[in-house]
Amino acid sequence: MNQELGIIRTILMKSYDGLPYHLKSCFLYLSIFPEDYSISPRRLVHRWNAEGYSSEVRSKSMGEVVDSYFMELIDRSMILPVKEPRGSRKGISSCKLNDLMREISISKAMEENLCFRMEERCSLNNQGAVRHLAVSSNWAGDQSEFESMVDLSRVRSLTVFGKWKAFYISDKMMLLRVLDLESTSGLVDHHLEKIGKLLHLRYLSLRGCEGIFHLPDSLGNLKQLQTLDITRTRIIKLPQAIIKLSKLQHVRAGGPYHILSSSGGSYDEILLKLSDSNKLSMWMWTATLMDFCFSICGRKFLEEIRG
């Protein structure tokens, strides 16, 4: 059996070696996620875009380019799609890596100093500078361990799985582009106070963080922010500072708690201001919000509503 697995692994390695450079980067990025983790395609491609894995090609936008990368990895059987007939991206609701592919992704990502995964019994990182830091749900270290294991000043993405610790956002993370806290437990408003210092941040996900009621005014400092996901949080108001985010392209909101207004003005006013420089994509799925969206969908700033 081990010999058979060895043969299969050799074949899969050849598949990896045959990937063009841009697809290798996208594939190795999947080493961030835990075993058997269902990855949302939209989450993945927005993160790739924030990382700079794409550029505009002829008539295609950067978003369309990373979409094509995702589909090409599917077509090459490097990642496994979970398909649903409706309500998902191109009929694909999520994707996964099989065990051998994940093993290859992790080993190659470590070889290239791309990703360090803090998890139970992990040792001090000797890889040098790493771009992507993932904190597993079973990691129980303290602040001194966290700051000594990797050079935080070089980290481009931070993904937290499981329970939040206040020291995860560090002043040293000056190059951070992606902060993905989806479904992180224990995260509350005051933990976001330092977020305005992450001046290169392009992707912020607080999805499923039900301890979050407000976004800080310092959000307005994030001039590079492209994607904001506050789905299934308790946020009911957006700060007025959001109108400063001229590069914001994707806002995802909804869930059991309705977004009703902005503390600095009506949604109509604030999103119209955003529209002056943005192509804004909005995704909202509560009935109240959908009524709101349809009532203003003729406005030029609401160019697409996806659900």
Foldseek 3Di string as FASTA:
>chain_A
DVVVVVVVLVVVVVLLVPDDPLLNVLLLVQLQDDAPDWAAPVVSLLVCVLVVSACDDVPRHRSVVSVVSVVVCVVSVLKAFDADPDQGDVRGGTIHGPPSSSVVSNVVLLVVQAEDEQAPPDDADPSAAYAEYEYEQHHDDDLVSVCRRHQLLRYAEYEYDEEDDLCPDDLSNQNHAYYHDALHEPDAAVSCVCVLNNQSHAYDEPHNHQRYAAHDLSVLSNQNHAEYEPANYQHQAYELSVLSNLNHAEYEYEDPHHNAAYPVGGPVVSLLSSQVRYQHEYEYDDPVVVVVCVVCVVDPNHPYYGD
